[in-house]
Amino acid sequence: MVYQNKILKTCSASFYFSILLLAGCASTNGSIVSTDDPYEEVNRSVFYFNEGLDDYVGEPVSSAYDFITPNFVQIGVGNFFNNLKDINVILNDLMQGKLLQAGEDTGRFLLNTSAGLGGILDIATHVGLEKHDEDFAQTLGVWGVPKGPYLVLPIVGPATSRGIPGMVFDAAANPATYIPIPIRSLEMLNMRANAKGTLKVIDEGALDPYLFTRESFLQSREHLVTDGQSELEDDLDIDALDVDNENNTDLKQASDALNTTGSSLEKTGSSFDETSKKIDQLNTRKLKNLRR
């Protein structure tokens, strides 16, 4: 969903890339063309539509849910639906040839489903069975299917052409798909409520939320497909940008200047999660005071 799309694992690098890209825009009158995003104009329109929908529907409804739902209930709801998703993880483990991981994830699912009361309690994590993140889009990537162009889908959010069939397969394989919609809506509300701190930090900290989200999404997906073996580049590839030579020089100068602040920006990006947690803690305290 829209709120899921911003919760990504490579915030620091993306923040840095966003600044570089915006510097390029300033020197090229906004004419930068990304080879990963040939439909940027349309994608931006859909992105802002999704943002508006979340502002007027997703955020108010999830805030009400967060206000009336105790924290331990939210944790249980999240655990339940995450346990069902482990079925997808196991299937994709097998299709990617990760037999050992498939065995571990099967043990995790069986333990949480039985001793964890249908997955409400995450017993497996406490006994050392790590949760993995595998989906069919990653499987297609492992099989060598190109990711294709970056797309922003209405309501769904960021995707690639490779990710669309992945979504269809994962939805069909996930038992949660066949749960009645009123119950399934709890998953969406729960995830949106838990993401509020992170989303606020990104919305307020990103110079261009669209670029931030795009770069974060693409880098995060590449990281997942390669199981973390792909290294994010520290410098922007100037030659990959569709600008003329004169503007290339301007952009290179901007890039060189920004490289000197790269480490501090990475520290800023890496502190997003910590800041998000603090915001959630403050909001929790405020809610407790209001309830008193």
C-alpha atoms as a PDB file:
ATOM      1  CA  MET A   1       0.000   0.000   0.000  1.00  0.00           C
ATOM      2  CA  VAL A   2       0.918   3.673  -0.144  1.00  0.00           C
ATOM      3  CA  TYR A   3       2.257   3.767   3.409  1.00  0.00           C
ATOM      4  CA  GLN A   4       4.360   0.647   2.854  1.00  0.00           C
ATOM      5  CA  ASN A   5       6.123   2.142  -0.082  1.00  0.00           C
ATOM      6  CA  LYS A   6       8.081   4.657   2.017  1.00  0.00           C
ATOM      7  CA  ILE A   7       9.311   2.206   4.611  1.00  0.00           C
ATOM      8  CA  LEU A   8      12.551   1.263   2.979  1.00  0.00           C
ATOM      9  CA  LYS A   9      15.889   0.050   4.182  1.00  0.00           C
ATOM     10  CA  THR A  10      18.324   2.336   2.360  1.00  0.00           C
ATOM     11  CA  CYS A  11      17.349   5.794   3.584  1.00  0.00           C
ATOM     12  CA  SER A  12      20.828   7.235   4.055  1.00  0.00           C
ATOM     13  CA  ALA A  13      22.092   6.475   0.561  1.00  0.00           C
ATOM     14  CA  SER A  14      18.829   7.607  -0.964  1.00  0.00           C
ATOM     15  CA  PHE A  15      18.924  10.902   0.911  1.00  0.00           C
ATOM     16  CA  TYR A  16      22.386  11.525  -0.510  1.00  0.00           C
ATOM     17  CA  PHE A  17      21.309  10.593  -4.047  1.00  0.00           C
ATOM     18  CA  SER A  18      18.261  12.826  -3.798  1.00  0.00           C
ATOM     19  CA  ILE A  19      20.425  15.853  -3.002  1.00  0.00           C
ATOM     20  CA  LEU A  20      22.723  15.114  -5.926  1.00  0.00           C
ATOM     21  CA  LEU A  21      19.821  14.675  -8.299  1.00  0.00           C
ATOM     22  CA  LEU A  22      18.214  17.892  -7.129  1.00  0.00           C
ATOM     23  CA  ALA A  23      21.487  19.717  -7.626  1.00  0.00           C
ATOM     24  CA  GLY A  24      21.475  18.416 -11.181  1.00  0.00           C
ATOM     25  CA  CYS A  25      17.936  19.613 -11.683  1.00  0.00           C
ATOM     26  CA  ALA A  26      18.941  23.090 -10.625  1.00  0.00           C
ATOM     27  CA  SER A  27      21.669  23.197 -13.267  1.00  0.00           C
ATOM     28  CA  THR A  28      19.603  21.631 -16.065  1.00  0.00           C
ATOM     29  CA  ASN A  29      16.234  23.338 -15.521  1.00  0.00           C
ATOM     30  CA  GLY A  30      14.717  20.072 -14.334  1.00  0.00           C
ATOM     31  CA  SER A  31      15.642  18.157 -17.502  1.00  0.00           C
ATOM     32  CA  ILE A  32      17.313  15.148 -15.872  1.00  0.00           C
ATOM     33  CA  VAL A  33      16.138  11.868 -17.362  1.00  0.00           C
ATOM     34  CA  SER A  34      16.593   8.668 -15.397  1.00  0.00           C
ATOM     35  CA  THR A  35      16.979   5.497 -17.422  1.00  0.00           C
ATOM     36  CA  ASP A  36      15.119   3.664 -14.648  1.00  0.00           C
ATOM     37  CA  ASP A  37      12.197   6.083 -14.737  1.00  0.00           C
ATOM     38  CA  PRO A  38      11.231   6.888 -18.345  1.00  0.00           C
ATOM     39  CA  TYR A  39       7.643   7.655 -17.311  1.00  0.00           C
ATOM     40  CA  GLU A  40       8.528  10.120 -14.563  1.00  0.00           C
ATOM     41  CA  GLU A  41       5.932  12.711 -15.502  1.00  0.00           C
ATOM     42  CA  VAL A  42       3.074  10.207 -15.225  1.00  0.00           C
ATOM     43  CA  ASN A  43       4.632   8.546 -12.195  1.00  0.00           C
ATOM     44  CA  ARG A  44       4.848  11.850 -10.356  1.00  0.00           C
ATOM     45  CA  SER A  45       1.157  12.525 -10.959  1.00  0.00           C
ATOM     46  CA  VAL A  46       0.201   9.124  -9.569  1.00  0.00           C
ATOM     47  CA  PHE A  47       2.632   9.579  -6.664  1.00  0.00           C
ATOM     48  CA  TYR A  48       1.002  12.841  -5.582  1.00  0.00           C
ATOM     49  CA  PHE A  49      -2.447  11.307  -6.017  1.00  0.00           C
ATOM     50  CA  ASN A  50      -1.395   8.506  -3.651  1.00  0.00           C
ATOM     51  CA  GLU A  51       0.048  11.041  -1.227  1.00  0.00           C
ATOM     52  CA  GLY A  52      -3.213  12.970  -1.177  1.00  0.00           C
ATOM     53  CA  LEU A  53      -5.228   9.804  -0.698  1.00  0.00           C
ATOM     54  CA  ASP A  54      -3.059   8.828   2.244  1.00  0.00           C
ATOM     55  CA  ASP A  55      -3.290  12.325   3.758  1.00  0.00           C
ATOM     56  CA  TYR A  56      -7.096  12.446   3.582  1.00  0.00           C
ATOM     57  CA  VAL A  57      -7.957   8.777   4.177  1.00  0.00           C
ATOM     58  CA  GLY A  58      -5.053   6.589   5.267  1.00  0.00           C
ATOM     59  CA  GLU A  59      -3.563   8.852   7.928  1.00  0.00           C
ATOM     60  CA  PRO A  60      -6.810   9.882   9.699  1.00  0.00           C
ATOM     61  CA  VAL A  61      -8.238   6.343   9.771  1.00  0.00           C
ATOM     62  CA  SER A  62      -4.980   4.751  10.919  1.00  0.00           C
ATOM     63  CA  SER A  63      -4.561   7.430  13.593  1.00  0.00           C
ATOM     64  CA  ALA A  64      -7.998   6.587  14.977  1.00  0.00           C
ATOM     65  CA  TYR A  65      -7.099   2.895  14.925  1.00  0.00           C
ATOM     66  CA  ASP A  66      -3.814   3.620  16.694  1.00  0.00           C
ATOM     67  CA  PHE A  67      -5.618   5.684  19.348  1.00  0.00           C
ATOM     68  CA  ILE A  68      -8.135   2.995  20.296  1.00  0.00           C
ATOM     69  CA  THR A  69      -5.987  -0.115  19.807  1.00  0.00           C
ATOM     70  CA  PRO A  70      -3.576  -1.163  22.592  1.00  0.00           C
ATOM     71  CA  ASN A  71       0.026  -1.699  21.555  1.00  0.00           C
ATOM     72  CA  PHE A  72       0.028  -5.410  22.413  1.00  0.00           C
ATOM     73  CA  VAL A  73      -2.968  -5.916  20.108  1.00  0.00           C
ATOM     74  CA  GLN A  74      -1.179  -4.143  17.265  1.00  0.00           C
ATOM     75  CA  ILE A  75       1.848  -6.380  17.777  1.00  0.00           C
ATOM     76  CA  GLY A  76      -0.359  -9.474  17.697  1.00  0.00           C
ATOM     77  CA  VAL A  77      -2.105  -8.360  14.498  1.00  0.00           C
ATOM     78  CA  GLY A  78       1.232  -7.698  12.814  1.00  0.00           C
ATOM     79  CA  ASN A  79       2.615 -11.069  13.929  1.00  0.00           C
ATOM     80  CA  PHE A  80      -0.462 -12.910  12.634  1.00  0.00           C
ATOM     81  CA  PHE A  81      -0.275 -11.516   9.110  1.00  0.00           C
ATOM     82  CA  ASN A  82       3.518 -11.763   8.972  1.00  0.00           C
ATOM     83  CA  ASN A  83       3.217 -15.439   9.859  1.00  0.00           C
ATOM     84  CA  LEU A  84       0.894 -16.012   6.902  1.00  0.00           C
ATOM     85  CA  LYS A  85       3.388 -14.268   4.627  1.00  0.00           C
ATOM     86  CA  ASP A  86       6.000 -16.835   5.641  1.00  0.00           C
ATOM     87  CA  ILE A  87       4.235 -19.249   3.275  1.00  0.00           C
ATOM     88  CA  ASN A  88       5.231 -16.962   0.396  1.00  0.00           C
ATOM     89  CA  VAL A  89       8.740 -16.793   1.786  1.00  0.00           C
ATOM     90  CA  ILE A  90       9.040 -20.596   1.860  1.00  0.00           C
ATOM     91  CA  LEU A  91       7.781 -20.972  -1.724  1.00  0.00           C
ATOM     92  CA  ASN A  92      10.223 -18.374  -3.001  1.00  0.00           C
ATOM     93  CA  ASP A  93      13.060 -19.906  -0.968  1.00  0.00           C
ATOM     94  CA  LEU A  94      12.491 -23.142  -2.870  1.00  0.00           C
ATOM     95  CA  MET A  95      12.210 -21.453  -6.273  1.00  0.00           C
ATOM     96  CA  GLN A  96      15.487 -19.620  -5.617  1.00  0.00           C
ATOM     97  CA  GLY A  97      17.230 -22.823  -4.553  1.00  0.00           C
ATOM     98  CA  LYS A  98      17.697 -21.713  -0.936  1.00  0.00           C
ATOM     99  CA  LEU A  99      16.952 -25.119   0.550  1.00  0.00           C
ATOM    100  CA  LEU A 100      18.536 -24.513   3.953  1.00  0.00           C
ATOM    101  CA  GLN A 101      16.688 -21.221   4.358  1.00  0.00           C
ATOM    102  CA  ALA A 102      13.465 -22.904   3.230  1.00  0.00           C
ATOM    103  CA  GLY A 103      13.885 -25.434   6.029  1.00  0.00           C
ATOM    104  CA  GLU A 104      14.458 -22.695   8.582  1.00  0.00           C
ATOM    105  CA  ASP A 105      11.457 -20.695   7.395  1.00  0.00           C
ATOM    106  CA  THR A 106       9.266 -23.814   7.443  1.00  0.00           C
ATOM    107  CA  GLY A 107      10.305 -24.441  11.043  1.00  0.00           C
ATOM    108  CA  ARG A 108       9.578 -20.822  11.854  1.00  0.00           C
ATOM    109  CA  PHE A 109       6.081 -21.025  10.359  1.00  0.00           C
ATOM    110  CA  LEU A 110       5.216 -24.293  12.100  1.00  0.00           C
ATOM    111  CA  LEU A 111       6.485 -23.069  15.477  1.00  0.00           C
ATOM    112  CA  ASN A 112       4.621 -19.756  15.357  1.00  0.00           C
ATOM    113  CA  THR A 113       1.444 -21.361  14.017  1.00  0.00           C
ATOM    114  CA  SER A 114       1.367 -23.934  16.817  1.00  0.00           C
ATOM    115  CA  ALA A 115       3.090 -22.580  19.926  1.00  0.00           C
ATOM    116  CA  GLY A 116       2.475 -18.994  18.828  1.00  0.00           C
ATOM    117  CA  LEU A 117      -1.314 -19.362  18.778  1.00  0.00           C
ATOM    118  CA  GLY A 118      -1.748 -19.118  15.039  1.00  0.00           C
ATOM    119  CA  GLY A 119       1.098 -16.648  14.652  1.00  0.00           C
ATOM    120  CA  ILE A 120      -0.145 -14.065  17.134  1.00  0.00           C
ATOM    121  CA  LEU A 121       2.994 -14.663  19.187  1.00  0.00           C
ATOM    122  CA  ASP A 122       6.372 -14.601  17.432  1.00  0.00           C
ATOM    123  CA  ILE A 123       7.993 -17.459  19.328  1.00  0.00           C
ATOM    124  CA  ALA A 124      10.383 -18.301  16.482  1.00  0.00           C
ATOM    125  CA  THR A 125      12.288 -15.025  16.691  1.00  0.00           C
ATOM    126  CA  HIS A 126      12.887 -15.535  20.390  1.00  0.00           C
ATOM    127  CA  VAL A 127      14.417 -18.973  19.788  1.00  0.00           C
ATOM    128  CA  GLY A 128      16.752 -17.671  17.079  1.00  0.00           C
ATOM    129  CA  LEU A 129      14.831 -18.403  13.857  1.00  0.00           C
ATOM    130  CA  GLU A 130      15.359 -15.220  11.860  1.00  0.00           C
ATOM    131  CA  LYS A 131      12.569 -13.872   9.667  1.00  0.00           C
ATOM    132  CA  HIS A 132      13.514 -13.622   5.982  1.00  0.00           C
ATOM    133  CA  ASP A 133      12.060 -11.452   3.241  1.00  0.00           C
ATOM    134  CA  GLU A 134      11.515 -13.228  -0.069  1.00  0.00           C
ATOM    135  CA  ASP A 135       8.895 -12.613  -2.752  1.00  0.00           C
ATOM    136  CA  PHE A 136       8.263 -13.619  -6.354  1.00  0.00           C
ATOM    137  CA  ALA A 137       9.636 -10.367  -7.764  1.00  0.00           C
ATOM    138  CA  GLN A 138      12.948 -11.231  -6.093  1.00  0.00           C
ATOM    139  CA  THR A 139      12.707 -14.746  -7.512  1.00  0.00           C
ATOM    140  CA  LEU A 140      12.262 -13.348 -11.024  1.00  0.00           C
ATOM    141  CA  GLY A 141      15.313 -11.171 -10.426  1.00  0.00           C
ATOM    142  CA  VAL A 142      17.354 -14.200  -9.340  1.00  0.00           C
ATOM    143  CA  TRP A 143      16.222 -15.964 -12.512  1.00  0.00           C
ATOM    144  CA  GLY A 144      17.609 -13.088 -14.561  1.00  0.00           C
ATOM    145  CA  VAL A 145      14.408 -11.252 -15.502  1.00  0.00           C
ATOM    146  CA  PRO A 146      15.208  -7.533 -15.988  1.00  0.00           C
ATOM    147  CA  LYS A 147      13.535  -5.221 -13.500  1.00  0.00           C
ATOM    148  CA  GLY A 148      12.117  -3.023 -16.247  1.00  0.00           C
ATOM    149  CA  PRO A 149      11.031   0.595 -15.834  1.00  0.00           C
ATOM    150  CA  TYR A 150      10.074   2.131 -12.519  1.00  0.00           C
ATOM    151  CA  LEU A 151       6.328   2.603 -12.117  1.00  0.00           C
ATOM    152  CA  VAL A 152       4.037   4.201  -9.552  1.00  0.00           C
ATOM    153  CA  LEU A 153       0.687   2.423  -9.390  1.00  0.00           C
ATOM    154  CA  PRO A 154      -2.485   4.018  -8.011  1.00  0.00           C
ATOM    155  CA  ILE A 155      -2.964   3.085  -4.335  1.00  0.00           C
ATOM    156  CA  VAL A 156      -0.295   0.354  -4.555  1.00  0.00           C
ATOM    157  CA  GLY A 157       2.631   2.752  -5.030  1.00  0.00           C
ATOM    158  CA  PRO A 158       6.205   2.064  -6.281  1.00  0.00           C
ATOM    159  CA  ALA A 159       6.824  -0.980  -8.453  1.00  0.00           C
ATOM    160  CA  THR A 160       8.699  -2.146 -11.521  1.00  0.00           C
ATOM    161  CA  SER A 161       7.398  -4.051 -14.525  1.00  0.00           C
ATOM    162  CA  ARG A 162       9.030  -7.153 -13.025  1.00  0.00           C
ATOM    163  CA  GLY A 163       7.297  -6.528  -9.740  1.00  0.00           C
ATOM    164  CA  ILE A 164       3.750  -6.520 -11.131  1.00  0.00           C
ATOM    165  CA  PRO A 165       3.571 -10.281 -11.884  1.00  0.00           C
ATOM    166  CA  GLY A 166       5.367 -10.774  -8.580  1.00  0.00           C
ATOM    167  CA  MET A 167       2.535  -9.012  -6.756  1.00  0.00           C
ATOM    168  CA  VAL A 168      -0.053 -11.200  -8.505  1.00  0.00           C
ATOM    169  CA  PHE A 169       1.746 -14.433  -7.590  1.00  0.00           C
ATOM    170  CA  ASP A 170       2.358 -13.380  -3.995  1.00  0.00           C
ATOM    171  CA  ALA A 171      -1.264 -12.357  -3.542  1.00  0.00           C
ATOM    172  CA  ALA A 172      -2.470 -15.701  -4.897  1.00  0.00           C
ATOM    173  CA  ALA A 173      -0.087 -17.661  -2.625  1.00  0.00           C
ATOM    174  CA  ASN A 174      -0.824 -15.667   0.543  1.00  0.00           C
ATOM    175  CA  PRO A 175      -3.682 -17.123   2.620  1.00  0.00           C
ATOM    176  CA  ALA A 176      -4.445 -13.615   3.906  1.00  0.00           C
ATOM    177  CA  THR A 177      -5.804 -12.777   0.447  1.00  0.00           C
ATOM    178  CA  TYR A 178      -8.751 -15.081   1.086  1.00  0.00           C
ATOM    179  CA  ILE A 179      -9.607 -13.647   4.495  1.00  0.00           C
ATOM    180  CA  PRO A 180     -12.737 -11.423   4.500  1.00  0.00           C
ATOM    181  CA  ILE A 181     -11.921  -7.815   3.670  1.00  0.00           C
ATOM    182  CA  PRO A 182     -12.988  -6.358   7.068  1.00  0.00           C
ATOM    183  CA  ILE A 183     -10.427  -8.578   8.786  1.00  0.00           C
ATOM    184  CA  ARG A 184      -7.810  -8.049   6.101  1.00  0.00           C
ATOM    185  CA  SER A 185      -8.186  -4.293   6.520  1.00  0.00           C
ATOM    186  CA  LEU A 186      -6.692  -4.675   9.991  1.00  0.00           C
ATOM    187  CA  GLU A 187      -3.365  -5.517   8.378  1.00  0.00           C
ATOM    188  CA  MET A 188      -3.352  -2.305   6.348  1.00  0.00           C
ATOM    189  CA  LEU A 189      -4.441  -0.163   9.281  1.00  0.00           C
ATOM    190  CA  ASN A 190      -1.891  -1.789  11.547  1.00  0.00           C
ATOM    191  CA  MET A 191       1.012  -1.259   9.163  1.00  0.00           C
ATOM    192  CA  ARG A 192       0.027   2.349   8.460  1.00  0.00           C
ATOM    193  CA  ALA A 193      -0.288   3.107  12.171  1.00  0.00           C
ATOM    194  CA  ASN A 194       3.107   1.590  12.957  1.00  0.00           C
ATOM    195  CA  ALA A 195       4.732   3.531  10.131  1.00  0.00           C
ATOM    196  CA  LYS A 196       3.572   6.995  11.119  1.00  0.00           C
ATOM    197  CA  GLY A 197       6.842   8.094  12.730  1.00  0.00           C
ATOM    198  CA  THR A 198       8.968   6.969   9.793  1.00  0.00           C
ATOM    199  CA  LEU A 199       6.638   8.556   7.253  1.00  0.00           C
ATOM    200  CA  LYS A 200       6.694  11.870   9.093  1.00  0.00           C
ATOM    201  CA  VAL A 201      10.489  11.952   9.145  1.00  0.00           C
ATOM    202  CA  ILE A 202      10.706  11.171   5.415  1.00  0.00           C
ATOM    203  CA  ASP A 203       8.027  13.690   4.437  1.00  0.00           C
ATOM    204  CA  GLU A 204       9.702  16.456   6.405  1.00  0.00           C
ATOM    205  CA  GLY A 205      13.321  15.531   5.665  1.00  0.00           C
ATOM    206  CA  ALA A 206      13.337  14.707   1.949  1.00  0.00           C
ATOM    207  CA  LEU A 207      14.021  17.593  -0.422  1.00  0.00           C
ATOM    208  CA  ASP A 208      11.984  15.835  -3.108  1.00  0.00           C
ATOM    209  CA  PRO A 209       9.788  13.035  -1.686  1.00  0.00           C
ATOM    210  CA  TYR A 210       9.287  11.532  -5.146  1.00  0.00           C
ATOM    211  CA  LEU A 211      13.007  11.171  -5.873  1.00  0.00           C
ATOM    212  CA  PHE A 212      13.661  10.010  -2.327  1.00  0.00           C
ATOM    213  CA  THR A 213      11.026   7.290  -2.599  1.00  0.00           C
ATOM    214  CA  ARG A 214      12.123   6.188  -6.076  1.00  0.00           C
ATOM    215  CA  GLU A 215      15.818   5.857  -5.260  1.00  0.00           C
ATOM    216  CA  SER A 216      15.108   4.205  -1.923  1.00  0.00           C
ATOM    217  CA  PHE A 217      12.735   1.703  -3.500  1.00  0.00           C
ATOM    218  CA  LEU A 218      15.020   0.737  -6.381  1.00  0.00           C
ATOM    219  CA  GLN A 219      18.085   0.385  -4.161  1.00  0.00           C
ATOM    220  CA  SER A 220      16.160  -1.587  -1.556  1.00  0.00           C
ATOM    221  CA  ARG A 221      14.813  -4.001  -4.165  1.00  0.00           C
ATOM    222  CA  GLU A 222      18.271  -4.499  -5.665  1.00  0.00           C
ATOM    223  CA  HIS A 223      19.615  -5.151  -2.185  1.00  0.00           C
ATOM    224  CA  LEU A 224      16.946  -7.821  -1.613  1.00  0.00           C
ATOM    225  CA  VAL A 225      17.447  -9.526  -4.975  1.00  0.00           C
ATOM    226  CA  THR A 226      21.197  -9.862  -4.397  1.00  0.00           C
ATOM    227  CA  ASP A 227      20.801 -10.722  -0.698  1.00  0.00           C
ATOM    228  CA  GLY A 228      22.754  -7.637   0.272  1.00  0.00           C
ATOM    229  CA  GLN A 229      25.765  -8.397  -1.916  1.00  0.00           C
ATOM    230  CA  SER A 230      25.233  -5.419  -4.204  1.00  0.00           C
ATOM    231  CA  GLU A 231      27.050  -2.347  -2.896  1.00  0.00           C
ATOM    232  CA  LEU A 232      25.377   1.023  -3.184  1.00  0.00           C
ATOM    233  CA  GLU A 233      27.561   3.500  -5.040  1.00  0.00           C
ATOM    234  CA  ASP A 234      28.724   6.477  -3.028  1.00  0.00           C
ATOM    235  CA  ASP A 235      29.001   8.775  -6.036  1.00  0.00           C
ATOM    236  CA  LEU A 236      26.423   9.624  -8.642  1.00  0.00           C
ATOM    237  CA  ASP A 237      27.310   8.395 -12.139  1.00  0.00           C
ATOM    238  CA  ILE A 238      27.288  11.661 -14.039  1.00  0.00           C
ATOM    239  CA  ASP A 239      27.579   9.937 -17.413  1.00  0.00           C
ATOM    240  CA  ALA A 240      24.327   8.069 -16.714  1.00  0.00           C
ATOM    241  CA  LEU A 241      22.386  11.344 -16.687  1.00  0.00           C
ATOM    242  CA  ASP A 242      20.954  12.610 -19.950  1.00  0.00           C
ATOM    243  CA  VAL A 243      22.409  16.131 -19.910  1.00  0.00           C
ATOM    244  CA  ASP A 244      24.699  18.009 -22.248  1.00  0.00           C
ATOM    245  CA  ASN A 245      28.425  18.511 -21.666  1.00  0.00           C
ATOM    246  CA  GLU A 246      28.150  22.017 -20.256  1.00  0.00           C
ATOM    247  CA  ASN A 247      25.531  20.931 -17.766  1.00  0.00           C
ATOM    248  CA  ASN A 248      27.599  17.840 -17.050  1.00  0.00           C
ATOM    249  CA  THR A 249      30.391  20.132 -15.852  1.00  0.00           C
ATOM    250  CA  ASP A 250      28.024  22.036 -13.582  1.00  0.00           C
ATOM    251  CA  LEU A 251      26.611  18.843 -12.216  1.00  0.00           C
ATOM    252  CA  LYS A 252      30.062  17.377 -11.666  1.00  0.00           C
ATOM    253  CA  GLN A 253      31.049  20.437  -9.658  1.00  0.00           C
ATOM    254  CA  ALA A 254      27.906  20.121  -7.569  1.00  0.00           C
ATOM    255  CA  SER A 255      28.616  16.436  -7.067  1.00  0.00           C
ATOM    256  CA  ASP A 256      32.199  17.077  -5.972  1.00  0.00           C
ATOM    257  CA  ALA A 257      31.061  19.678  -3.471  1.00  0.00           C
ATOM    258  CA  LEU A 258      28.420  17.389  -2.065  1.00  0.00           C
ATOM    259  CA  ASN A 259      30.831  14.469  -1.812  1.00  0.00           C
ATOM    260  CA  THR A 260      32.661  16.342   0.946  1.00  0.00           C
ATOM    261  CA  THR A 261      29.490  16.191   3.045  1.00  0.00           C
ATOM    262  CA  GLY A 262      28.631  12.622   2.142  1.00  0.00           C
ATOM    263  CA  SER A 263      29.607  11.077   5.440  1.00  0.00           C
ATOM    264  CA  SER A 264      27.537  13.507   7.473  1.00  0.00           C
ATOM    265  CA  LEU A 265      24.537  12.964   5.223  1.00  0.00           C
ATOM    266  CA  GLU A 266      24.858   9.229   5.651  1.00  0.00           C
ATOM    267  CA  LYS A 267      24.869   9.709   9.411  1.00  0.00           C
ATOM    268  CA  THR A 268      21.747  11.844   9.071  1.00  0.00           C
ATOM    269  CA  GLY A 269      20.040   9.193   6.983  1.00  0.00           C
ATOM    270  CA  SER A 270      21.050   6.380   9.323  1.00  0.00           C
ATOM    271  CA  SER A 271      19.523   8.273  12.238  1.00  0.00           C
ATOM    272  CA  PHE A 272      16.071   8.323  10.603  1.00  0.00           C
ATOM    273  CA  ASP A 273      15.041   5.069  12.258  1.00  0.00           C
ATOM    274  CA  GLU A 274      16.174   6.273  15.679  1.00  0.00           C
ATOM    275  CA  THR A 275      14.351   9.573  15.204  1.00  0.00           C
ATOM    276  CA  SER A 276      11.246   7.699  14.087  1.00  0.00           C
ATOM    277  CA  LYS A 277      11.275   5.578  17.230  1.00  0.00           C
ATOM    278  CA  LYS A 278      11.596   8.668  19.411  1.00  0.00           C
ATOM    279  CA  ILE A 279       8.652  10.286  17.635  1.00  0.00           C
ATOM    280  CA  ASP A 280       6.532   7.179  18.197  1.00  0.00           C
ATOM    281  CA  GLN A 281       7.502   7.138  21.864  1.00  0.00           C
ATOM    282  CA  LEU A 282       6.507  10.785  22.274  1.00  0.00           C
ATOM    283  CA  ASN A 283       3.190  10.165  20.521  1.00  0.00           C
ATOM    284  CA  THR A 284       2.538   7.189  22.794  1.00  0.00           C
ATOM    285  CA  ARG A 285       3.158   9.330  25.859  1.00  0.00           C
ATOM    286  CA  LYS A 286       0.821  12.022  24.555  1.00  0.00           C
ATOM    287  CA  LEU A 287      -1.909   9.452  23.963  1.00  0.00           C
ATOM    288  CA  LYS A 288      -1.487   8.074  27.476  1.00  0.00           C
ATOM    289  CA  ASN A 289      -1.785  11.571  28.921  1.00  0.00           C
ATOM    290  CA  LEU A 290      -4.907  12.224  26.875  1.00  0.00           C
ATOM    291  CA  ARG A 291      -6.474   8.978  28.069  1.00  0.00           C
ATOM    292  CA  ARG A 292      -5.858  10.011  31.672  1.00  0.00           C
END
